[in-house]
Amino acid sequence: MHRSTDILDPAIMGNETTMHALFDHLRDNDPVVYLDHPDYEPFWVLTRHEDVKYVSQNNDLFINNPRTVIVPQEFEKMLLEQFGTRNGLETLIHMDNPKHRKLRGVTRDWFKPTPIGKLTPMIEAIAHEYVDKMEAMGGECDFVKDVALLYPLRIIMKIIGVVPEEEQMMLKLTQELFGGQDPDQGRGNEVGDGMGVLLDFFAYFKNVVEDRKNNPTDDLATVLANAIVDGSPMEELDQISYFIITATAGHDTTSATTSGGLKALLDFPEQLDKLRANPDLANAAAREMIRWVSPVRHMMRTCTEDVEFHGQIIRKGESLAIWYPAANRDERAIVDPHKFDIERDNRNQMAFGYGGHMCLGQHLAVLEIEIFFKVLLSRIDWIELAAEPKWVEAMFVGGLKSMPVRYAFK
């Protein structure tokens, strides 16, 4: 039996099988459900594609502040006391217009298709580096820990300007931030442990900002450190928050899609054979992997007016959570959604969000995944699971944390 409160169980929401079983039930039986739990301020849950899309494209009716992600009330109170905001951070995902539009503009040109395309040689070199690593490991590896976590990390760190020696530290902080509820990745079980992670991020990027102001280079860190908004330097909270979201979401979601995408190919071997025979399908395959994995599980919005969904009235000031994996498996909008199909037309998928808050790094993510699988499948002879995969226990950003594989190179 599925309960709506299972939404708040990281073990259920991290695992693709249990999560989608819950979403299938909610879409069909309770597409707009009110969650009232003693540890959380109440909110509504929306799981149908049409509703997630409607909320995403109406940014004045459904605002990002003051609640952007589901967190316990006790932690929200601590964040408010420390940072003056219930979110703690002030990143693009936490902002509303006009501020969101202005700060998005700071890096918008960096993430357009043409400049991202110029990164292709660098990304190809890094893809070969990690496929070389797989080959050197002698036919067995944990694809998540040895490859998928590290490949996108190296790329985004080079773009930002973080030195390789500090990549493992950034990976650890990212896992503690997004996987804080997971027993293997979280810093601890106390509410204050999450605060410690944020403060460590702030301390690190505060030093990066000061360095790039004094020693500018051609990296993204220099752009952020010296950004001018409305004629004045970007405020420190905005600046450091920008670094944090770029450095974390810039690799963690792509890592989840790379490992989840390989698992999908192994679960649907006819698609693996098709992609191997037709490398030109790699771009479409990358987009299908992104739909399939939907690593960002949810976002929160708050209503500025009363609004009705399927007979339920959500009042002005009440919050709702929109669930992207649920939208991306909704048969009302997507044909045969539980089939992994690398030739699918994915213009309707919601993994990058929709509307004004659509993911700024979407073109980079697609290119990284496309290039990696082109390189891997051109060099590998066969690959299979060596043990059962394990999932990160998380409600916000989810994916695999372990996937042992066996393989042979040509």
Protein backbone atom coordinates (compact mmCIF):
# COMPACT_ATOMS: atom_id res chain seq x y z
CA MET A 1 0.00 0.00 0.00
CA HIS A 2 1.33 3.42 -0.97
CA ARG A 3 1.01 6.32 1.45
CA SER A 4 1.45 9.94 0.41
CA THR A 5 3.83 10.44 3.36
CA ASP A 6 6.24 8.06 1.63
CA ILE A 7 7.24 11.19 -0.30
CA LEU A 8 9.19 12.14 2.84
CA ASP A 9 11.09 8.83 3.03
CA PRO A 10 14.56 9.25 1.46
CA ALA A 11 14.98 5.50 1.04
CA ILE A 12 11.81 5.34 -1.09
CA MET A 13 12.46 8.54 -3.02
CA GLY A 14 16.07 7.68 -3.81
CA ASN A 15 15.32 4.28 -5.35
CA GLU A 16 13.98 4.33 -8.91
CA THR A 17 11.71 1.29 -8.42
CA THR A 18 9.99 2.35 -5.19
CA MET A 19 9.82 6.00 -6.19
CA HIS A 20 8.09 5.32 -9.50
CA ALA A 21 5.67 2.84 -7.93
CA LEU A 22 4.61 5.62 -5.56
CA PHE A 23 4.33 8.17 -8.36
CA ASP A 24 2.27 5.82 -10.53
CA HIS A 25 -0.14 5.43 -7.62
CA LEU A 26 -0.35 9.16 -6.86
CA ARG A 27 -0.84 10.25 -10.49
CA ASP A 28 -3.74 7.85 -10.91
CA ASN A 29 -5.36 8.12 -7.48
CA ASP A 30 -4.29 11.33 -5.76
CA PRO A 31 -2.59 13.78 -8.17
CA VAL A 32 -2.97 16.71 -5.75
CA VAL A 33 -2.42 15.59 -2.16
CA TYR A 34 -1.96 17.61 1.02
CA LEU A 35 0.91 16.50 3.24
CA ASP A 36 0.77 17.38 6.94
CA HIS A 37 3.72 15.94 8.85
CA PRO A 38 4.91 17.07 12.31
CA ASP A 39 8.50 17.63 11.13
CA TYR A 40 7.60 19.73 8.07
CA GLU A 41 5.49 22.74 7.33
CA PRO A 42 2.49 21.39 5.37
CA PHE A 43 2.59 21.41 1.57
CA TRP A 44 0.80 20.00 -1.47
CA VAL A 45 2.22 17.33 -3.78
CA LEU A 46 1.66 17.51 -7.57
CA THR A 47 2.67 14.57 -9.77
CA ARG A 48 1.00 14.95 -13.18
CA HIS A 49 2.88 16.32 -16.17
CA GLU A 50 0.29 18.97 -17.06
CA ASP A 51 0.33 20.33 -13.49
CA VAL A 52 4.12 20.37 -13.15
CA LYS A 53 4.34 22.20 -16.49
CA TYR A 54 1.63 24.71 -15.52
CA VAL A 55 3.34 25.57 -12.25
CA SER A 56 6.74 25.83 -13.95
CA GLN A 57 5.59 28.28 -16.63
CA ASN A 58 3.64 30.60 -14.33
CA ASN A 59 6.39 32.16 -12.26
CA ASP A 60 4.34 35.05 -10.92
CA LEU A 61 1.57 32.77 -9.65
CA PHE A 62 3.99 30.22 -8.17
CA ILE A 63 7.09 31.80 -6.64
CA ASN A 64 10.35 30.15 -5.52
CA ASN A 65 10.73 32.05 -2.26
CA PRO A 66 10.34 31.49 0.63
CA ARG A 67 10.42 27.67 0.19
CA THR A 68 12.43 26.05 -2.60
CA VAL A 69 13.25 22.55 -1.33
CA ILE A 70 11.56 20.29 1.24
CA VAL A 71 13.51 20.59 4.50
CA PRO A 72 12.46 20.04 8.13
CA GLN A 73 11.04 23.06 9.96
CA GLU A 74 13.82 22.89 12.55
CA PHE A 75 16.48 23.25 9.84
CA GLU A 76 14.56 26.07 8.15
CA LYS A 77 14.60 27.93 11.46
CA MET A 78 18.37 27.50 11.78
CA LEU A 79 18.92 28.73 8.22
CA LEU A 80 16.76 31.77 8.85
CA GLU A 81 18.75 32.67 11.95
CA GLN A 82 22.13 32.16 10.24
CA PHE A 83 21.50 33.57 6.76
CA GLY A 84 18.30 35.60 7.02
CA THR A 85 16.49 33.24 4.61
CA ARG A 86 14.68 29.95 5.14
CA ASN A 87 16.62 28.50 2.21
CA GLY A 88 20.04 29.41 3.57
CA LEU A 89 21.38 29.94 0.07
CA GLU A 90 20.30 32.55 -2.46
CA THR A 91 20.95 30.72 -5.72
CA LEU A 92 19.09 31.00 -9.01
CA ILE A 93 16.70 28.23 -7.94
CA HIS A 94 15.75 30.27 -4.85
CA MET A 95 15.11 33.57 -6.65
CA ASP A 96 12.12 35.23 -8.26
CA ASN A 97 12.04 38.01 -10.85
CA PRO A 98 13.33 40.60 -11.35
CA LYS A 99 16.36 39.44 -9.35
CA HIS A 100 16.40 36.01 -10.94
CA ARG A 101 16.47 37.45 -14.46
CA LYS A 102 19.34 39.81 -13.60
CA LEU A 103 21.55 37.21 -11.92
CA ARG A 104 20.83 34.53 -14.52
CA GLY A 105 22.19 37.01 -17.03
CA VAL A 106 25.61 37.01 -15.31
CA THR A 107 26.51 33.57 -16.71
CA ARG A 108 23.87 33.10 -19.41
CA ASP A 109 26.34 33.67 -22.26
CA TRP A 110 28.72 31.09 -20.77
CA PHE A 111 26.10 28.35 -21.00
CA LYS A 112 24.67 29.00 -24.49
CA PRO A 113 25.06 26.21 -27.07
CA THR A 114 27.85 27.88 -29.09
CA PRO A 115 30.30 28.53 -26.20
CA ILE A 116 29.45 25.14 -24.69
CA GLY A 117 30.18 23.51 -28.05
CA LYS A 118 33.68 25.00 -27.94
CA LEU A 119 34.35 22.87 -24.86
CA THR A 120 33.99 19.67 -26.94
CA PRO A 121 37.75 18.93 -27.27
CA MET A 122 38.28 19.35 -23.53
CA ILE A 123 35.28 17.15 -22.69
CA GLU A 124 36.36 14.48 -25.18
CA ALA A 125 39.83 14.37 -23.63
CA ILE A 126 38.36 13.93 -20.15
CA ALA A 127 35.96 11.24 -21.39
CA HIS A 128 38.88 9.29 -22.86
CA GLU A 129 40.79 9.77 -19.59
CA TYR A 130 38.05 8.02 -17.60
CA VAL A 131 37.46 5.30 -20.19
CA ASP A 132 41.24 4.75 -20.09
CA LYS A 133 40.87 4.37 -16.33
CA MET A 134 38.17 1.74 -16.81
CA GLU A 135 40.41 -0.18 -19.21
CA ALA A 136 43.34 -0.01 -16.80
CA MET A 137 41.21 -1.44 -13.98
CA GLY A 138 41.23 -4.82 -15.70
CA GLY A 139 37.61 -5.57 -16.46
CA GLU A 140 35.82 -4.64 -13.22
CA CYS A 141 34.99 -1.37 -11.50
CA ASP A 142 32.28 0.40 -9.55
CA PHE A 143 31.06 2.55 -12.39
CA VAL A 144 29.53 5.15 -10.06
CA LYS A 145 32.48 5.62 -7.71
CA ASP A 146 35.30 5.11 -10.20
CA VAL A 147 33.90 6.91 -13.26
CA ALA A 148 30.47 8.56 -13.18
CA LEU A 149 31.08 10.67 -10.08
CA LEU A 150 34.45 11.90 -11.29
CA TYR A 151 34.01 12.59 -15.01
CA PRO A 152 31.50 15.49 -14.77
CA LEU A 153 33.25 16.72 -11.61
CA ARG A 154 36.52 17.18 -13.50
CA ILE A 155 34.72 19.08 -16.27
CA ILE A 156 32.83 21.57 -14.09
CA MET A 157 35.85 22.13 -11.85
CA LYS A 158 37.95 23.02 -14.90
CA ILE A 159 35.24 25.41 -16.07
CA ILE A 160 34.97 27.09 -12.69
CA GLY A 161 38.71 27.08 -12.06
CA VAL A 162 39.00 24.71 -9.08
CA VAL A 163 42.34 22.89 -9.05
CA PRO A 164 42.32 19.06 -9.37
CA GLU A 165 43.76 18.65 -5.87
CA GLU A 166 40.54 20.06 -4.42
CA GLU A 167 38.08 17.99 -6.49
CA GLN A 168 37.67 15.26 -3.87
CA MET A 169 36.88 17.86 -1.24
CA MET A 170 34.22 19.37 -3.51
CA LEU A 171 32.78 15.92 -4.22
CA LYS A 172 32.55 15.15 -0.50
CA LEU A 173 30.81 18.45 0.27
CA THR A 174 28.38 17.95 -2.61
CA GLN A 175 27.47 14.47 -1.39
CA GLU A 176 26.97 15.80 2.13
CA LEU A 177 24.74 18.57 0.78
CA PHE A 178 22.54 16.55 -1.61
CA GLY A 179 22.88 13.16 0.12
CA GLY A 180 22.68 14.43 3.68
CA GLN A 181 19.93 11.94 4.55
CA ASP A 182 21.92 8.98 3.25
CA PRO A 183 23.76 6.95 5.95
CA ASP A 184 26.81 6.56 3.69
CA GLN A 185 27.01 10.13 2.41
CA GLY A 186 25.58 12.44 5.06
CA ARG A 187 27.81 14.17 7.59
CA GLY A 188 25.58 13.02 10.45
CA ASN A 189 22.01 12.71 11.64
CA GLU A 190 21.77 16.00 13.51
CA VAL A 191 19.96 18.94 11.92
CA GLY A 192 22.99 21.13 12.53
CA ASP A 193 25.20 18.90 10.38
CA GLY A 194 23.60 20.38 7.26
CA MET A 195 24.49 23.85 8.52
CA GLY A 196 28.10 22.78 8.86
CA VAL A 197 28.20 21.69 5.22
CA LEU A 198 26.89 25.06 4.04
CA LEU A 199 29.36 26.97 6.21
CA ASP A 200 32.25 24.92 4.79
CA PHE A 201 31.09 25.76 1.26
CA PHE A 202 30.87 29.43 2.18
CA ALA A 203 34.36 29.48 3.66
CA TYR A 204 35.85 27.83 0.58
CA PHE A 205 34.19 30.00 -2.04
CA LYS A 206 34.73 33.19 -0.04
CA ASN A 207 38.44 32.55 -0.53
CA VAL A 208 37.92 31.82 -4.24
CA VAL A 209 36.09 35.14 -4.69
CA GLU A 210 38.87 37.09 -3.00
CA ASP A 211 41.53 35.33 -5.08
CA ARG A 212 39.79 35.99 -8.43
CA LYS A 213 39.21 39.62 -7.56
CA ASN A 214 42.92 40.03 -6.98
CA ASN A 215 44.13 37.54 -9.61
CA PRO A 216 41.59 37.41 -12.47
CA THR A 217 41.87 34.67 -15.10
CA ASP A 218 39.63 33.49 -17.94
CA ASP A 219 37.59 31.03 -15.85
CA LEU A 220 33.98 31.17 -14.68
CA ALA A 221 35.13 31.92 -11.13
CA THR A 222 36.54 35.23 -12.36
CA VAL A 223 33.24 36.10 -14.05
CA LEU A 224 31.32 35.47 -10.82
CA ALA A 225 33.85 37.13 -8.51
CA ASN A 226 33.80 40.35 -10.54
CA ALA A 227 30.15 40.39 -11.62
CA ILE A 228 28.31 43.72 -11.67
CA VAL A 229 24.55 43.71 -11.10
CA ASP A 230 22.57 46.96 -11.40
CA GLY A 231 25.80 48.93 -11.43
CA SER A 232 27.17 47.43 -8.20
CA PRO A 233 29.25 44.34 -7.32
CA MET A 234 27.12 41.25 -6.72
CA GLU A 235 26.25 40.80 -3.05
CA GLU A 236 28.37 38.23 -1.21
CA LEU A 237 25.50 35.84 -0.33
CA ASP A 238 24.34 35.85 -3.96
CA GLN A 239 27.90 35.41 -5.20
CA ILE A 240 28.87 32.49 -3.00
CA SER A 241 25.47 30.85 -3.50
CA TYR A 242 26.06 31.09 -7.25
CA PHE A 243 29.37 29.29 -6.84
CA ILE A 244 27.78 26.57 -4.71
CA ILE A 245 24.92 25.76 -7.10
CA THR A 246 27.25 25.80 -10.12
CA ALA A 247 29.86 23.62 -8.46
CA THR A 248 27.39 21.08 -7.04
CA ALA A 249 24.49 20.81 -9.47
CA GLY A 250 27.02 21.25 -12.27
CA HIS A 251 28.34 17.74 -11.72
CA ASP A 252 26.07 15.79 -9.35
CA THR A 253 23.03 15.67 -11.62
CA THR A 254 25.16 14.75 -14.63
CA SER A 255 26.91 12.05 -12.60
CA ALA A 256 23.54 10.58 -11.65
CA THR A 257 22.42 10.62 -15.28
CA THR A 258 25.64 9.04 -16.57
CA SER A 259 25.40 6.09 -14.16
CA GLY A 260 21.61 5.82 -14.41
CA GLY A 261 21.90 6.04 -18.19
CA LEU A 262 24.32 3.11 -18.33
CA LYS A 263 22.01 1.09 -16.06
CA ALA A 264 19.12 1.86 -18.43
CA LEU A 265 21.16 0.62 -21.40
CA LEU A 266 21.94 -2.58 -19.51
CA ASP A 267 18.28 -3.01 -18.53
CA PHE A 268 17.22 -2.46 -22.17
CA PRO A 269 19.98 -4.25 -24.12
CA GLU A 270 18.28 -3.69 -27.48
CA GLN A 271 18.79 0.05 -26.89
CA LEU A 272 22.45 -0.54 -26.07
CA ASP A 273 22.88 -2.44 -29.32
CA LYS A 274 21.07 0.29 -31.23
CA LEU A 275 23.28 3.04 -29.77
CA ARG A 276 26.45 1.07 -30.40
CA ALA A 277 25.43 0.59 -34.04
CA ASN A 278 24.32 4.21 -34.46
CA PRO A 279 26.64 6.66 -32.59
CA ASP A 280 24.73 9.56 -34.15
CA LEU A 281 21.89 8.71 -31.75
CA ALA A 282 24.07 9.68 -28.77
CA ASN A 283 22.52 13.14 -28.44
CA ALA A 284 18.98 11.75 -28.41
CA ALA A 285 20.13 8.97 -26.06
CA ALA A 286 21.56 11.54 -23.65
CA ARG A 287 18.22 13.36 -23.54
CA GLU A 288 16.37 10.10 -22.93
CA MET A 289 18.78 9.27 -20.10
CA ILE A 290 18.04 12.64 -18.54
CA ARG A 291 14.28 12.00 -18.74
CA TRP A 292 14.69 8.47 -17.44
CA VAL A 293 16.82 9.40 -14.41
CA SER A 294 15.33 12.85 -13.64
CA PRO A 295 17.99 13.40 -10.95
CA VAL A 296 16.38 16.56 -9.52
CA ARG A 297 13.39 15.04 -7.78
CA HIS A 298 11.40 18.12 -6.80
CA MET A 299 11.15 21.88 -6.36
CA MET A 300 8.87 23.83 -4.04
CA ARG A 301 6.70 26.80 -5.03
CA THR A 302 4.40 29.10 -3.04
CA CYS A 303 1.08 30.37 -4.42
CA THR A 304 0.52 34.12 -4.72
CA GLU A 305 -3.22 33.56 -5.37
CA ASP A 306 -5.75 30.81 -4.75
CA VAL A 307 -5.50 28.18 -7.49
CA GLU A 308 -7.43 24.98 -8.28
CA PHE A 309 -6.04 21.64 -9.43
CA HIS A 310 -8.40 18.72 -10.06
CA GLY A 311 -11.00 20.06 -7.66
CA GLN A 312 -8.52 20.90 -4.89
CA ILE A 313 -8.06 24.56 -3.90
CA ILE A 314 -4.52 25.56 -2.95
CA ARG A 315 -4.74 28.83 -1.06
CA LYS A 316 -2.62 31.95 -1.41
CA GLY A 317 0.50 31.51 0.75
CA GLU A 318 0.39 27.71 0.70
CA SER A 319 3.28 25.75 -0.79
CA LEU A 320 3.42 22.87 -3.23
CA ALA A 321 6.09 20.47 -4.43
CA ILE A 322 6.32 19.57 -8.12
CA TRP A 323 7.93 16.20 -8.90
CA TYR A 324 9.88 15.93 -12.14
CA PRO A 325 10.38 12.12 -12.21
CA ALA A 326 6.61 11.76 -11.80
CA ALA A 327 5.93 14.16 -14.67
CA ASN A 328 8.44 12.34 -16.88
CA ARG A 329 6.66 8.99 -16.46
CA ASP A 330 3.12 10.32 -16.94
CA GLU A 331 1.43 8.33 -19.71
CA ARG A 332 -1.01 11.22 -20.21
CA ALA A 333 1.84 13.22 -21.74
CA ILE A 334 4.50 10.68 -22.71
CA VAL A 335 3.91 7.54 -24.78
CA ASP A 336 4.97 4.31 -23.07
CA PRO A 337 6.85 6.30 -20.39
CA HIS A 338 8.30 3.28 -18.57
CA LYS A 339 10.16 2.19 -21.69
CA PHE A 340 13.69 3.49 -22.23
CA ASP A 341 13.82 4.55 -25.89
CA ILE A 342 16.87 6.38 -27.24
CA GLU A 343 14.95 7.52 -30.33
CA ARG A 344 12.20 9.18 -28.32
CA ASP A 345 11.29 12.81 -29.05
CA ASN A 346 12.04 14.34 -25.66
CA ARG A 347 10.89 17.91 -26.22
CA ASN A 348 8.13 17.28 -23.69
CA GLN A 349 10.30 15.98 -20.85
CA MET A 350 10.61 18.02 -17.64
CA ALA A 351 13.93 16.95 -16.08
CA PHE A 352 15.48 20.37 -16.77
CA GLY A 353 12.43 22.16 -15.44
CA TYR A 354 10.39 24.43 -17.67
CA GLY A 355 9.87 28.12 -18.32
CA GLY A 356 11.93 30.87 -16.72
CA HIS A 357 13.77 28.55 -14.34
CA MET A 358 14.80 25.96 -16.92
CA CYS A 359 18.26 24.60 -16.09
CA LEU A 360 21.01 26.98 -17.19
CA GLY A 361 23.48 24.11 -17.65
CA GLN A 362 21.28 21.87 -19.80
CA HIS A 363 23.42 22.14 -22.96
CA LEU A 364 26.57 21.26 -21.02
CA ALA A 365 24.90 18.26 -19.37
CA VAL A 366 23.66 16.85 -22.69
CA LEU A 367 27.06 17.33 -24.34
CA GLU A 368 28.93 15.60 -21.50
CA ILE A 369 26.64 12.56 -21.54
CA GLU A 370 26.60 12.38 -25.34
CA ILE A 371 30.39 12.47 -25.59
CA PHE A 372 30.97 9.97 -22.80
CA PHE A 373 28.79 7.27 -24.31
CA LYS A 374 30.21 7.83 -27.77
CA VAL A 375 33.69 7.25 -26.36
CA LEU A 376 32.76 4.32 -24.12
CA LEU A 377 30.76 2.38 -26.70
CA SER A 378 33.37 2.92 -29.42
CA ARG A 379 36.01 1.22 -27.27
CA ILE A 380 34.23 -1.39 -25.17
CA ASP A 381 33.35 -4.88 -26.39
CA TRP A 382 30.74 -5.80 -23.75
CA ILE A 383 29.60 -4.68 -20.31
CA GLU A 384 27.27 -6.13 -17.66
CA LEU A 385 26.25 -5.65 -14.03
CA ALA A 386 28.50 -7.41 -11.53
CA ALA A 387 26.30 -6.82 -8.48
CA GLU A 388 23.03 -5.14 -7.52
CA PRO A 389 23.21 -1.33 -7.77
CA LYS A 390 22.63 0.78 -4.66
CA TRP A 391 20.82 4.11 -4.48
CA VAL A 392 21.44 7.35 -2.61
CA GLU A 393 18.73 7.88 -0.01
CA ALA A 394 17.58 11.39 -0.89
CA MET A 395 14.44 13.44 -1.58
CA PHE A 396 15.98 16.34 -3.52
CA VAL A 397 18.69 15.05 -5.89
CA GLY A 398 18.83 11.29 -6.35
CA GLY A 399 20.67 8.60 -8.23
CA LEU A 400 22.95 5.60 -7.89
CA LYS A 401 25.73 5.49 -5.29
CA SER A 402 27.19 2.14 -6.36
CA MET A 403 27.02 0.03 -9.53
CA PRO A 404 29.70 -2.67 -9.90
CA VAL A 405 30.18 -3.72 -13.54
CA ARG A 406 32.23 -6.24 -15.52
CA TYR A 407 33.40 -5.51 -19.05
CA ALA A 408 35.96 -6.15 -21.75
CA PHE A 409 37.56 -3.75 -24.19
CA LYS A 410 38.04 -4.44 -27.88
